[in-house]
N, C-alpha and C. Protein backbone atom coordinates (compact mmCIF):
# COMPACT_ATOMS: atom_id res chain seq x y z
N MET A 1 52.07 -35.67 5.50
CA MET A 1 53.29 -35.21 4.83
C MET A 1 54.00 -36.43 4.23
N ASN A 2 54.36 -36.33 2.94
CA ASN A 2 54.95 -37.48 2.26
C ASN A 2 56.41 -37.26 1.89
N GLN A 3 56.99 -38.25 1.21
CA GLN A 3 58.41 -38.19 0.84
C GLN A 3 58.72 -36.97 -0.03
N THR A 4 57.83 -36.69 -0.97
CA THR A 4 58.04 -35.55 -1.86
C THR A 4 58.14 -34.25 -1.08
N GLN A 5 57.30 -34.11 -0.08
CA GLN A 5 57.32 -32.89 0.74
C GLN A 5 58.60 -32.80 1.57
N ILE A 6 59.09 -33.94 2.04
CA ILE A 6 60.34 -33.94 2.81
C ILE A 6 61.49 -33.48 1.92
N ILE A 7 61.54 -33.98 0.70
CA ILE A 7 62.58 -33.56 -0.24
C ILE A 7 62.42 -32.08 -0.59
N GLN A 8 61.17 -31.65 -0.78
CA GLN A 8 60.92 -30.23 -1.03
C GLN A 8 61.38 -29.38 0.15
N TRP A 9 61.16 -29.88 1.36
CA TRP A 9 61.61 -29.18 2.57
C TRP A 9 63.12 -28.93 2.50
N MET A 10 63.88 -29.96 2.14
CA MET A 10 65.32 -29.81 2.06
C MET A 10 65.72 -28.85 0.95
N GLN A 11 65.00 -28.91 -0.17
CA GLN A 11 65.29 -28.01 -1.29
C GLN A 11 65.02 -26.56 -0.90
N LYS A 12 63.88 -26.34 -0.26
CA LYS A 12 63.52 -24.99 0.16
C LYS A 12 64.49 -24.45 1.20
N PHE A 13 64.89 -25.31 2.13
CA PHE A 13 65.83 -24.88 3.16
C PHE A 13 67.19 -24.55 2.53
N ALA A 14 67.62 -25.37 1.60
CA ALA A 14 68.89 -25.11 0.91
C ALA A 14 68.84 -23.78 0.16
N ASP A 15 67.73 -23.54 -0.53
CA ASP A 15 67.56 -22.28 -1.26
C ASP A 15 67.54 -21.08 -0.31
N THR A 16 66.85 -21.26 0.81
CA THR A 16 66.74 -20.18 1.79
C THR A 16 68.09 -19.87 2.42
N ILE A 17 68.85 -20.91 2.72
CA ILE A 17 70.18 -20.71 3.28
C ILE A 17 71.06 -19.96 2.29
N GLU A 18 70.99 -20.35 1.02
CA GLU A 18 71.81 -19.67 0.01
C GLU A 18 71.45 -18.18 -0.06
N LYS A 19 70.15 -17.88 -0.03
CA LYS A 19 69.71 -16.49 -0.11
C LYS A 19 70.08 -15.70 1.15
N ASN A 20 70.16 -16.38 2.28
CA ASN A 20 70.44 -15.70 3.55
C ASN A 20 71.86 -15.96 4.06
N LYS A 21 72.70 -16.48 3.21
CA LYS A 21 74.07 -16.83 3.62
C LYS A 21 74.80 -15.64 4.21
N ASP A 22 74.75 -14.52 3.53
CA ASP A 22 75.47 -13.33 4.00
C ASP A 22 74.86 -12.80 5.29
N TYR A 23 73.54 -12.85 5.39
CA TYR A 23 72.86 -12.38 6.60
C TYR A 23 73.25 -13.23 7.81
N LEU A 24 73.25 -14.55 7.64
CA LEU A 24 73.63 -15.45 8.73
C LEU A 24 75.09 -15.25 9.13
N THR A 25 75.93 -15.03 8.15
CA THR A 25 77.35 -14.80 8.43
C THR A 25 77.54 -13.47 9.15
N GLU A 26 76.75 -12.48 8.77
CA GLU A 26 76.80 -11.17 9.44
C GLU A 26 76.40 -11.30 10.91
N LEU A 27 75.32 -12.06 11.16
CA LEU A 27 74.91 -12.29 12.54
C LEU A 27 76.01 -12.99 13.32
N ASP A 28 76.65 -13.96 12.68
CA ASP A 28 77.70 -14.74 13.33
C ASP A 28 78.96 -13.90 13.55
N ALA A 29 79.19 -12.93 12.68
CA ALA A 29 80.37 -12.08 12.83
C ALA A 29 80.32 -11.28 14.13
N ALA A 30 79.10 -10.97 14.58
CA ALA A 30 78.94 -10.15 15.78
C ALA A 30 79.27 -10.91 17.06
N ILE A 31 78.99 -12.23 17.06
CA ILE A 31 79.16 -12.99 18.31
C ILE A 31 79.83 -14.34 18.12
N GLY A 32 80.27 -14.64 16.89
CA GLY A 32 80.86 -15.96 16.64
C GLY A 32 82.07 -15.89 15.75
N ASP A 33 82.18 -16.86 14.86
CA ASP A 33 83.35 -16.98 13.99
C ASP A 33 83.11 -16.47 12.57
N ALA A 34 81.97 -15.84 12.33
CA ALA A 34 81.64 -15.26 11.03
C ALA A 34 81.64 -16.30 9.91
N ASP A 35 81.16 -17.51 10.22
CA ASP A 35 81.16 -18.55 9.19
C ASP A 35 79.87 -19.37 9.15
N HIS A 36 78.87 -18.99 9.93
CA HIS A 36 77.66 -19.83 10.01
C HIS A 36 76.96 -19.94 8.66
N GLY A 37 76.75 -18.81 8.01
CA GLY A 37 76.10 -18.84 6.70
C GLY A 37 76.89 -19.60 5.67
N ILE A 38 78.19 -19.39 5.67
CA ILE A 38 79.08 -20.07 4.72
C ILE A 38 79.05 -21.58 4.94
N ASN A 39 79.16 -21.98 6.20
CA ASN A 39 79.17 -23.41 6.52
C ASN A 39 77.84 -24.09 6.18
N MET A 40 76.74 -23.42 6.54
CA MET A 40 75.42 -24.00 6.27
C MET A 40 75.18 -24.11 4.77
N ASP A 41 75.58 -23.10 4.03
CA ASP A 41 75.40 -23.13 2.58
C ASP A 41 76.20 -24.26 1.96
N ARG A 42 77.42 -24.45 2.41
CA ARG A 42 78.25 -25.54 1.89
C ARG A 42 77.60 -26.89 2.19
N GLY A 43 77.12 -27.06 3.41
CA GLY A 43 76.51 -28.33 3.79
C GLY A 43 75.26 -28.64 2.99
N PHE A 44 74.41 -27.65 2.78
CA PHE A 44 73.15 -27.91 2.08
C PHE A 44 73.32 -27.98 0.57
N LYS A 45 74.39 -27.44 0.06
CA LYS A 45 74.71 -27.68 -1.35
C LYS A 45 75.07 -29.17 -1.55
N LYS A 46 75.74 -29.75 -0.55
CA LYS A 46 76.05 -31.19 -0.60
C LYS A 46 74.77 -32.01 -0.48
N VAL A 47 73.86 -31.55 0.36
CA VAL A 47 72.57 -32.24 0.49
C VAL A 47 71.83 -32.21 -0.84
N MET A 48 71.84 -31.07 -1.52
CA MET A 48 71.16 -30.94 -2.80
C MET A 48 71.72 -31.94 -3.83
N GLU A 49 73.01 -32.20 -3.75
CA GLU A 49 73.61 -33.18 -4.66
C GLU A 49 73.08 -34.58 -4.41
N LYS A 50 72.72 -34.86 -3.16
CA LYS A 50 72.24 -36.20 -2.78
C LYS A 50 70.75 -36.41 -3.06
N LEU A 51 69.98 -35.32 -3.06
CA LEU A 51 68.52 -35.45 -3.13
C LEU A 51 68.00 -36.26 -4.32
N PRO A 52 68.57 -36.11 -5.53
CA PRO A 52 68.04 -36.89 -6.66
C PRO A 52 68.11 -38.40 -6.45
N THR A 53 68.97 -38.86 -5.57
CA THR A 53 69.12 -40.30 -5.34
C THR A 53 68.16 -40.81 -4.26
N LEU A 54 67.38 -39.90 -3.66
CA LEU A 54 66.57 -40.26 -2.49
C LEU A 54 65.08 -40.37 -2.76
N ALA A 55 64.66 -40.16 -4.01
CA ALA A 55 63.23 -40.09 -4.32
C ALA A 55 62.46 -41.33 -3.92
N ASN A 56 63.09 -42.51 -3.98
CA ASN A 56 62.39 -43.75 -3.67
C ASN A 56 62.65 -44.26 -2.26
N GLN A 57 63.33 -43.46 -1.47
CA GLN A 57 63.63 -43.86 -0.09
C GLN A 57 62.47 -43.50 0.84
N ASP A 58 62.35 -44.21 1.95
CA ASP A 58 61.35 -43.81 2.94
C ASP A 58 61.85 -42.56 3.65
N ILE A 59 60.96 -41.90 4.38
CA ILE A 59 61.27 -40.61 4.99
C ILE A 59 62.42 -40.72 5.98
N GLY A 60 62.44 -41.80 6.75
CA GLY A 60 63.52 -41.98 7.71
C GLY A 60 64.88 -42.03 7.03
N ASN A 61 64.98 -42.76 5.94
CA ASN A 61 66.25 -42.88 5.23
C ASN A 61 66.64 -41.58 4.53
N ILE A 62 65.66 -40.82 4.05
CA ILE A 62 65.95 -39.52 3.47
C ILE A 62 66.62 -38.62 4.52
N LEU A 63 66.01 -38.56 5.69
CA LEU A 63 66.54 -37.70 6.74
C LEU A 63 67.89 -38.20 7.26
N LYS A 64 68.06 -39.51 7.30
CA LYS A 64 69.35 -40.06 7.74
C LYS A 64 70.46 -39.66 6.77
N THR A 65 70.18 -39.71 5.47
CA THR A 65 71.17 -39.30 4.48
C THR A 65 71.50 -37.82 4.62
N VAL A 66 70.47 -37.01 4.84
CA VAL A 66 70.69 -35.58 5.08
C VAL A 66 71.61 -35.38 6.28
N SER A 67 71.32 -36.12 7.35
CA SER A 67 72.13 -36.02 8.56
C SER A 67 73.60 -36.35 8.31
N MET A 68 73.85 -37.47 7.69
CA MET A 68 75.23 -37.90 7.44
C MET A 68 75.97 -36.90 6.55
N THR A 69 75.25 -36.35 5.58
CA THR A 69 75.84 -35.38 4.67
C THR A 69 76.24 -34.10 5.41
N LEU A 70 75.38 -33.63 6.28
CA LEU A 70 75.66 -32.41 7.03
C LEU A 70 76.82 -32.60 8.01
N ILE A 71 76.82 -33.73 8.68
CA ILE A 71 77.90 -33.99 9.65
C ILE A 71 79.26 -34.02 8.96
N SER A 72 79.30 -34.54 7.75
CA SER A 72 80.58 -34.68 7.05
C SER A 72 81.00 -33.41 6.30
N SER A 73 80.08 -32.45 6.15
CA SER A 73 80.41 -31.31 5.29
C SER A 73 80.29 -29.93 5.94
N ILE A 74 79.70 -29.84 7.14
CA ILE A 74 79.59 -28.56 7.82
C ILE A 74 80.58 -28.51 8.97
N GLY A 75 81.35 -27.44 9.01
CA GLY A 75 82.32 -27.27 10.08
C GLY A 75 81.70 -26.66 11.33
N GLY A 76 82.50 -26.55 12.37
CA GLY A 76 82.04 -25.95 13.62
C GLY A 76 80.99 -26.79 14.32
N ALA A 77 80.17 -26.12 15.12
CA ALA A 77 79.13 -26.82 15.89
C ALA A 77 77.90 -27.14 15.05
N SER A 78 77.70 -26.40 13.97
CA SER A 78 76.45 -26.54 13.21
C SER A 78 76.29 -27.92 12.59
N GLY A 79 77.37 -28.49 12.06
CA GLY A 79 77.29 -29.81 11.46
C GLY A 79 76.80 -30.87 12.42
N PRO A 80 77.46 -31.02 13.57
CA PRO A 80 77.00 -32.02 14.54
C PRO A 80 75.59 -31.75 15.07
N LEU A 81 75.23 -30.48 15.27
CA LEU A 81 73.93 -30.16 15.83
C LEU A 81 72.80 -30.40 14.83
N TYR A 82 72.95 -29.86 13.63
CA TYR A 82 71.94 -30.12 12.61
C TYR A 82 71.93 -31.59 12.21
N GLY A 83 73.11 -32.19 12.14
CA GLY A 83 73.19 -33.61 11.82
C GLY A 83 72.46 -34.46 12.84
N THR A 84 72.63 -34.11 14.11
CA THR A 84 71.94 -34.83 15.18
C THR A 84 70.44 -34.62 15.11
N PHE A 85 70.01 -33.40 14.81
CA PHE A 85 68.57 -33.13 14.68
C PHE A 85 67.94 -34.05 13.65
N PHE A 86 68.55 -34.12 12.47
CA PHE A 86 67.96 -34.94 11.41
C PHE A 86 68.17 -36.44 11.66
N LEU A 87 69.25 -36.81 12.32
CA LEU A 87 69.48 -38.23 12.61
C LEU A 87 68.45 -38.74 13.61
N ARG A 88 68.26 -38.01 14.70
CA ARG A 88 67.27 -38.42 15.69
C ARG A 88 65.86 -38.40 15.09
N GLY A 89 65.60 -37.37 14.28
CA GLY A 89 64.30 -37.30 13.61
C GLY A 89 64.08 -38.48 12.69
N SER A 90 65.14 -38.89 11.98
CA SER A 90 65.02 -40.02 11.06
C SER A 90 64.68 -41.31 11.80
N THR A 91 65.26 -41.49 12.96
CA THR A 91 65.00 -42.69 13.75
C THR A 91 63.54 -42.75 14.19
N ALA A 92 62.96 -41.59 14.46
CA ALA A 92 61.57 -41.53 14.94
C ALA A 92 60.57 -41.88 13.84
N VAL A 93 60.98 -41.73 12.57
CA VAL A 93 60.03 -41.98 11.47
C VAL A 93 60.56 -42.99 10.46
N MET A 94 61.51 -43.79 10.89
CA MET A 94 62.13 -44.77 9.98
C MET A 94 61.08 -45.71 9.39
N GLY A 95 61.17 -45.94 8.08
CA GLY A 95 60.28 -46.85 7.38
C GLY A 95 58.97 -46.26 6.92
N LYS A 96 58.71 -45.02 7.27
CA LYS A 96 57.42 -44.40 6.94
C LYS A 96 57.46 -43.72 5.57
N GLN A 97 56.38 -43.88 4.82
CA GLN A 97 56.22 -43.21 3.53
C GLN A 97 55.43 -41.91 3.67
N GLU A 98 54.61 -41.82 4.68
CA GLU A 98 53.85 -40.61 4.96
C GLU A 98 53.84 -40.36 6.47
N LEU A 99 53.69 -39.08 6.83
CA LEU A 99 53.69 -38.72 8.24
C LEU A 99 52.37 -38.07 8.62
N THR A 100 51.75 -38.57 9.67
CA THR A 100 50.60 -37.91 10.27
C THR A 100 51.10 -36.73 11.10
N PRO A 101 50.22 -35.85 11.56
CA PRO A 101 50.67 -34.79 12.48
C PRO A 101 51.40 -35.37 13.70
N GLU A 102 50.92 -36.51 14.18
CA GLU A 102 51.57 -37.14 15.34
C GLU A 102 52.98 -37.62 14.99
N ASP A 103 53.15 -38.16 13.78
CA ASP A 103 54.47 -38.60 13.33
C ASP A 103 55.43 -37.40 13.22
N THR A 104 54.93 -36.31 12.65
CA THR A 104 55.75 -35.11 12.50
C THR A 104 56.16 -34.58 13.86
N LEU A 105 55.26 -34.66 14.82
CA LEU A 105 55.59 -34.25 16.19
C LEU A 105 56.72 -35.10 16.75
N LYS A 106 56.64 -36.41 16.53
CA LYS A 106 57.69 -37.31 17.02
C LYS A 106 59.04 -36.96 16.38
N LEU A 107 59.02 -36.64 15.08
CA LEU A 107 60.24 -36.24 14.37
C LEU A 107 60.84 -35.01 15.03
N LEU A 108 60.03 -33.98 15.25
CA LEU A 108 60.51 -32.73 15.81
C LEU A 108 60.96 -32.90 17.26
N GLN A 109 60.20 -33.67 18.03
CA GLN A 109 60.58 -33.91 19.43
C GLN A 109 61.91 -34.63 19.53
N ALA A 110 62.08 -35.66 18.71
CA ALA A 110 63.32 -36.42 18.73
C ALA A 110 64.50 -35.55 18.31
N GLY A 111 64.27 -34.72 17.31
CA GLY A 111 65.33 -33.81 16.87
C GLY A 111 65.74 -32.84 17.96
N LEU A 112 64.75 -32.27 18.63
CA LEU A 112 65.03 -31.34 19.73
C LEU A 112 65.81 -32.03 20.85
N GLU A 113 65.36 -33.21 21.23
CA GLU A 113 66.05 -33.95 22.30
C GLU A 113 67.50 -34.23 21.92
N GLY A 114 67.72 -34.56 20.65
CA GLY A 114 69.07 -34.82 20.19
C GLY A 114 69.96 -33.59 20.27
N VAL A 115 69.41 -32.45 19.87
CA VAL A 115 70.16 -31.20 19.90
C VAL A 115 70.52 -30.83 21.33
N ILE A 116 69.56 -30.99 22.24
CA ILE A 116 69.82 -30.68 23.65
C ILE A 116 70.92 -31.58 24.21
N GLN A 117 70.85 -32.86 23.91
CA GLN A 117 71.86 -33.80 24.41
C GLN A 117 73.23 -33.53 23.80
N ARG A 118 73.24 -33.23 22.50
CA ARG A 118 74.52 -33.02 21.82
C ARG A 118 75.16 -31.70 22.22
N GLY A 119 74.36 -30.64 22.30
CA GLY A 119 74.92 -29.32 22.58
C GLY A 119 74.92 -28.94 24.04
N LYS A 120 74.27 -29.76 24.87
CA LYS A 120 74.18 -29.47 26.31
C LYS A 120 73.58 -28.09 26.58
N ALA A 121 72.70 -27.64 25.69
CA ALA A 121 72.07 -26.33 25.83
C ALA A 121 70.64 -26.47 26.31
N GLN A 122 70.18 -25.45 27.00
CA GLN A 122 68.81 -25.41 27.48
C GLN A 122 68.15 -24.12 26.99
N LEU A 123 66.85 -24.04 27.19
CA LEU A 123 66.11 -22.84 26.84
C LEU A 123 66.71 -21.65 27.58
N GLY A 124 66.97 -20.57 26.85
CA GLY A 124 67.53 -19.38 27.47
C GLY A 124 69.04 -19.26 27.37
N ASP A 125 69.69 -20.22 26.70
CA ASP A 125 71.15 -20.18 26.54
C ASP A 125 71.60 -19.43 25.29
N LYS A 126 70.65 -18.93 24.51
CA LYS A 126 70.93 -18.19 23.27
C LYS A 126 71.50 -19.14 22.21
N THR A 127 70.70 -20.16 21.88
CA THR A 127 71.08 -21.15 20.87
C THR A 127 69.85 -21.52 20.05
N MET A 128 70.02 -22.49 19.16
CA MET A 128 68.90 -22.98 18.36
C MET A 128 67.79 -23.60 19.21
N VAL A 129 68.12 -24.00 20.42
CA VAL A 129 67.11 -24.56 21.33
C VAL A 129 66.04 -23.52 21.66
N ASP A 130 66.42 -22.24 21.66
CA ASP A 130 65.45 -21.18 21.97
C ASP A 130 64.39 -21.03 20.88
N VAL A 131 64.63 -21.59 19.71
CA VAL A 131 63.65 -21.64 18.64
C VAL A 131 62.95 -23.00 18.61
N LEU A 132 63.74 -24.06 18.67
CA LEU A 132 63.18 -25.41 18.57
C LEU A 132 62.22 -25.74 19.71
N SER A 133 62.60 -25.41 20.92
CA SER A 133 61.80 -25.81 22.08
C SER A 133 60.40 -25.20 22.06
N PRO A 134 60.25 -23.89 21.91
CA PRO A 134 58.88 -23.35 21.85
C PRO A 134 58.12 -23.79 20.61
N ALA A 135 58.83 -24.00 19.51
CA ALA A 135 58.17 -24.45 18.28
C ALA A 135 57.58 -25.84 18.46
N VAL A 136 58.35 -26.74 19.05
CA VAL A 136 57.88 -28.11 19.27
C VAL A 136 56.73 -28.12 20.28
N GLU A 137 56.83 -27.28 21.30
CA GLU A 137 55.76 -27.19 22.29
C GLU A 137 54.46 -26.70 21.64
N ALA A 138 54.58 -25.70 20.77
CA ALA A 138 53.39 -25.18 20.08
C ALA A 138 52.81 -26.22 19.13
N PHE A 139 53.68 -26.94 18.44
CA PHE A 139 53.22 -28.00 17.54
C PHE A 139 52.49 -29.09 18.33
N GLU A 140 53.05 -29.47 19.46
CA GLU A 140 52.42 -30.50 20.29
C GLU A 140 51.04 -30.08 20.76
N GLN A 141 50.91 -28.82 21.18
CA GLN A 141 49.62 -28.33 21.63
C GLN A 141 48.59 -28.37 20.49
N ALA A 142 49.05 -28.02 19.29
CA ALA A 142 48.15 -28.04 18.13
C ALA A 142 47.72 -29.46 17.79
N VAL A 143 48.63 -30.41 17.90
CA VAL A 143 48.29 -31.81 17.65
C VAL A 143 47.29 -32.30 18.70
N ASP A 144 47.51 -31.91 19.95
CA ASP A 144 46.55 -32.27 21.01
C ASP A 144 45.17 -31.69 20.71
N ASP A 145 45.14 -30.55 20.04
CA ASP A 145 43.88 -29.91 19.67
C ASP A 145 43.34 -30.42 18.34
N GLU A 146 43.97 -31.48 17.83
CA GLU A 146 43.55 -32.14 16.58
C GLU A 146 43.63 -31.23 15.36
N LYS A 147 44.64 -30.37 15.34
CA LYS A 147 44.88 -29.51 14.18
C LYS A 147 45.58 -30.30 13.08
N THR A 148 45.52 -29.78 11.85
CA THR A 148 46.25 -30.40 10.74
C THR A 148 47.74 -30.09 10.88
N THR A 149 48.56 -30.78 10.08
CA THR A 149 49.99 -30.51 10.10
C THR A 149 50.27 -29.05 9.72
N GLU A 150 49.54 -28.54 8.73
CA GLU A 150 49.74 -27.13 8.32
C GLU A 150 49.40 -26.18 9.47
N GLU A 151 48.29 -26.41 10.12
CA GLU A 151 47.89 -25.54 11.23
C GLU A 151 48.89 -25.64 12.39
N ALA A 152 49.35 -26.85 12.65
CA ALA A 152 50.32 -27.05 13.74
C ALA A 152 51.64 -26.35 13.41
N MET A 153 52.06 -26.41 12.14
CA MET A 153 53.30 -25.75 11.74
C MET A 153 53.15 -24.23 11.81
N GLU A 154 51.98 -23.71 11.48
CA GLU A 154 51.75 -22.27 11.59
C GLU A 154 51.92 -21.82 13.05
N ASN A 155 51.38 -22.59 13.98
CA ASN A 155 51.55 -22.29 15.40
C ASN A 155 53.02 -22.38 15.80
N ALA A 156 53.68 -23.41 15.27
CA ALA A 156 55.09 -23.61 15.60
C ALA A 156 55.95 -22.46 15.10
N ILE A 157 55.64 -21.97 13.90
CA ILE A 157 56.42 -20.88 13.31
C ILE A 157 56.25 -19.59 14.11
N ALA A 158 55.04 -19.32 14.56
CA ALA A 158 54.81 -18.14 15.38
C ALA A 158 55.65 -18.19 16.65
N ALA A 159 55.68 -19.37 17.27
CA ALA A 159 56.48 -19.54 18.49
C ALA A 159 57.97 -19.48 18.18
N ALA A 160 58.36 -20.04 17.03
CA ALA A 160 59.77 -20.04 16.62
C ALA A 160 60.27 -18.62 16.39
N GLU A 161 59.45 -17.81 15.72
CA GLU A 161 59.86 -16.43 15.45
C GLU A 161 60.03 -15.64 16.75
N GLU A 162 59.11 -15.85 17.67
CA GLU A 162 59.21 -15.19 18.97
C GLU A 162 60.47 -15.63 19.70
N GLY A 163 60.77 -16.93 19.63
CA GLY A 163 61.97 -17.45 20.27
C GLY A 163 63.24 -16.91 19.65
N MET A 164 63.24 -16.80 18.32
CA MET A 164 64.41 -16.25 17.61
C MET A 164 64.68 -14.81 18.04
N LYS A 165 63.63 -13.98 18.03
CA LYS A 165 63.79 -12.58 18.43
C LYS A 165 64.14 -12.47 19.91
N GLY A 166 63.68 -13.47 20.67
CA GLY A 166 63.97 -13.48 22.10
C GLY A 166 65.42 -13.73 22.44
N THR A 167 66.20 -14.20 21.46
CA THR A 167 67.63 -14.41 21.74
C THR A 167 68.41 -13.09 21.76
N ILE A 168 67.83 -12.03 21.23
CA ILE A 168 68.57 -10.75 21.13
C ILE A 168 69.02 -10.23 22.50
N PRO A 169 68.15 -10.14 23.50
CA PRO A 169 68.60 -9.59 24.79
C PRO A 169 69.32 -10.58 25.70
N ILE A 170 69.43 -11.84 25.29
CA ILE A 170 70.00 -12.88 26.16
C ILE A 170 71.53 -12.84 26.14
N ILE A 171 72.13 -13.12 27.27
CA ILE A 171 73.58 -13.34 27.36
C ILE A 171 73.85 -14.80 26.98
N ALA A 172 74.72 -15.01 26.02
CA ALA A 172 74.99 -16.37 25.55
C ALA A 172 75.69 -17.19 26.62
N LYS A 173 75.25 -18.44 26.76
CA LYS A 173 75.84 -19.34 27.75
C LYS A 173 76.51 -20.55 27.10
N LYS A 174 76.40 -20.67 25.78
CA LYS A 174 76.98 -21.81 25.08
C LYS A 174 77.69 -21.33 23.82
N GLY A 175 78.68 -22.11 23.38
CA GLY A 175 79.34 -21.84 22.11
C GLY A 175 80.28 -20.66 22.15
N ARG A 176 80.73 -20.28 20.97
CA ARG A 176 81.69 -19.19 20.81
C ARG A 176 81.16 -17.88 21.38
N ALA A 177 79.87 -17.66 21.25
CA ALA A 177 79.26 -16.42 21.73
C ALA A 177 79.38 -16.26 23.24
N SER A 178 79.45 -17.39 23.97
CA SER A 178 79.51 -17.32 25.43
C SER A 178 80.80 -16.67 25.92
N TYR A 179 81.83 -16.69 25.08
CA TYR A 179 83.11 -16.06 25.47
C TYR A 179 82.98 -14.54 25.61
N LEU A 180 81.95 -13.97 24.98
CA LEU A 180 81.78 -12.52 24.99
C LEU A 180 81.06 -12.02 26.24
N GLY A 181 80.44 -12.94 26.97
CA GLY A 181 79.72 -12.53 28.17
C GLY A 181 78.62 -11.54 27.84
N GLU A 182 78.58 -10.42 28.57
CA GLU A 182 77.52 -9.43 28.38
C GLU A 182 77.56 -8.79 27.00
N ARG A 183 78.69 -8.83 26.33
CA ARG A 183 78.79 -8.24 24.99
C ARG A 183 77.99 -9.04 23.95
N SER A 184 77.55 -10.24 24.34
CA SER A 184 76.72 -11.01 23.42
C SER A 184 75.26 -10.53 23.43
N MET A 185 74.91 -9.68 24.39
CA MET A 185 73.56 -9.11 24.44
C MET A 185 73.36 -8.16 23.27
N GLY A 186 72.11 -8.10 22.80
CA GLY A 186 71.79 -7.17 21.72
C GLY A 186 72.00 -7.74 20.33
N HIS A 187 72.33 -9.02 20.26
CA HIS A 187 72.58 -9.67 18.96
C HIS A 187 71.70 -10.91 18.83
N GLN A 188 71.06 -11.06 17.68
CA GLN A 188 70.25 -12.26 17.41
C GLN A 188 71.17 -13.43 17.12
N ASP A 189 70.85 -14.57 17.72
CA ASP A 189 71.72 -15.74 17.55
C ASP A 189 71.61 -16.31 16.14
N PRO A 190 72.74 -16.54 15.47
CA PRO A 190 72.70 -17.05 14.10
C PRO A 190 72.14 -18.47 14.00
N GLY A 191 72.45 -19.32 14.96
CA GLY A 191 71.92 -20.69 14.94
C GLY A 191 70.42 -20.72 15.15
N ALA A 192 69.93 -19.86 16.03
CA ALA A 192 68.49 -19.74 16.23
C ALA A 192 67.82 -19.25 14.95
N THR A 193 68.51 -18.35 14.25
CA THR A 193 67.95 -17.79 13.01
C THR A 193 67.86 -18.85 11.91
N SER A 194 68.92 -19.62 11.73
CA SER A 194 68.87 -20.66 10.70
C SER A 194 67.86 -21.74 11.06
N THR A 195 67.67 -21.99 12.35
CA THR A 195 66.66 -22.97 12.78
C THR A 195 65.26 -22.47 12.45
N TYR A 196 65.02 -21.19 12.67
CA TYR A 196 63.74 -20.60 12.27
C TYR A 196 63.53 -20.76 10.77
N LEU A 197 64.56 -20.52 9.99
CA LEU A 197 64.46 -20.66 8.53
C LEU A 197 64.17 -22.11 8.14
N MET A 198 64.74 -23.05 8.88
CA MET A 198 64.50 -24.47 8.62
C MET A 198 63.02 -24.80 8.83
N LEU A 199 62.46 -24.34 9.94
CA LEU A 199 61.06 -24.63 10.25
C LEU A 199 60.12 -23.90 9.28
N ARG A 200 60.49 -22.68 8.90
CA ARG A 200 59.67 -21.95 7.94
C ARG A 200 59.65 -22.67 6.59
N SER A 201 60.78 -23.24 6.22
CA SER A 201 60.85 -24.00 4.97
C SER A 201 59.95 -25.23 5.02
N LEU A 202 59.86 -25.85 6.19
CA LEU A 202 58.96 -26.99 6.36
C LEU A 202 57.51 -26.56 6.18
N LEU A 203 57.14 -25.45 6.78
CA LEU A 203 55.77 -24.94 6.63
C LEU A 203 55.46 -24.66 5.17
N GLU A 204 56.39 -24.05 4.45
CA GLU A 204 56.17 -23.74 3.03
C GLU A 204 55.96 -25.01 2.22
N SER A 205 56.70 -26.05 2.53
CA SER A 205 56.55 -27.32 1.82
C SER A 205 55.18 -27.94 2.09
N VAL A 206 54.75 -27.89 3.34
CA VAL A 206 53.43 -28.42 3.71
C VAL A 206 52.34 -27.64 3.01
N ARG A 207 52.46 -26.32 2.98
CA ARG A 207 51.44 -25.46 2.36
C ARG A 207 51.31 -25.75 0.87
N GLU A 208 52.42 -25.96 0.19
CA GLU A 208 52.37 -26.22 -1.25
C GLU A 208 51.57 -27.48 -1.55
N GLU A 209 51.75 -28.51 -0.75
CA GLU A 209 51.02 -29.76 -0.96
C GLU A 209 49.54 -29.56 -0.71
N VAL A 210 49.22 -28.77 0.32
CA VAL A 210 47.82 -28.49 0.64
C VAL A 210 47.14 -27.78 -0.52
N ILE A 211 47.84 -26.78 -1.08
CA ILE A 211 47.30 -26.02 -2.21
C ILE A 211 47.09 -26.92 -3.43
N SER A 212 48.07 -27.79 -3.69
CA SER A 212 48.00 -28.66 -4.88
C SER A 212 46.88 -29.69 -4.78
N ASN A 213 46.46 -29.98 -3.53
CA ASN A 213 45.41 -30.97 -3.33
C ASN A 213 44.00 -30.37 -3.35
N LYS A 214 43.93 -29.02 -3.43
CA LYS A 214 42.62 -28.37 -3.43
C LYS A 214 42.02 -28.37 -4.82
């Protein structure tokens, strides 16, 4: 995976957030502050403004710029959490022009660890960790099995989707949703949903490069 694909990843995620802004806000209205889609869209529109200046940067610096932009432009918990994901990920791949499957794993692992430390959330708390954790585990298993980045991401997405849907019956233990107690059951977590969309956008970017190289 190269710099162009990383920039495409951000573009695809920004486009996906814009298309799903109302859906994410609707999910958040049920158990949160009804602003997740709005906040994410605002943050990634700022990221889109920065992308043209990043074409010659290494992957670590691209992700660091994304991180700083999100932290400064997204309100609520999403800015710090997504910002931390990309900041920790950037540190893991700083100076690199291309990423092997192993490098991509390090990026995802570092991002997950950062989110856990920043949000103090664990698997089963009805947060983005419920998507990230199984996705990273599936990606790691695929790398151990010597799969390509595309194959590893396909495995990760399957696990991510299962984790996202798995947040529906969970009682929230973190964030605004935790104030609702049992009333948070029966609702898909908006942060888990946007995280799934982020990973799906990464898979789409990887697939496009694979197709173009055939």
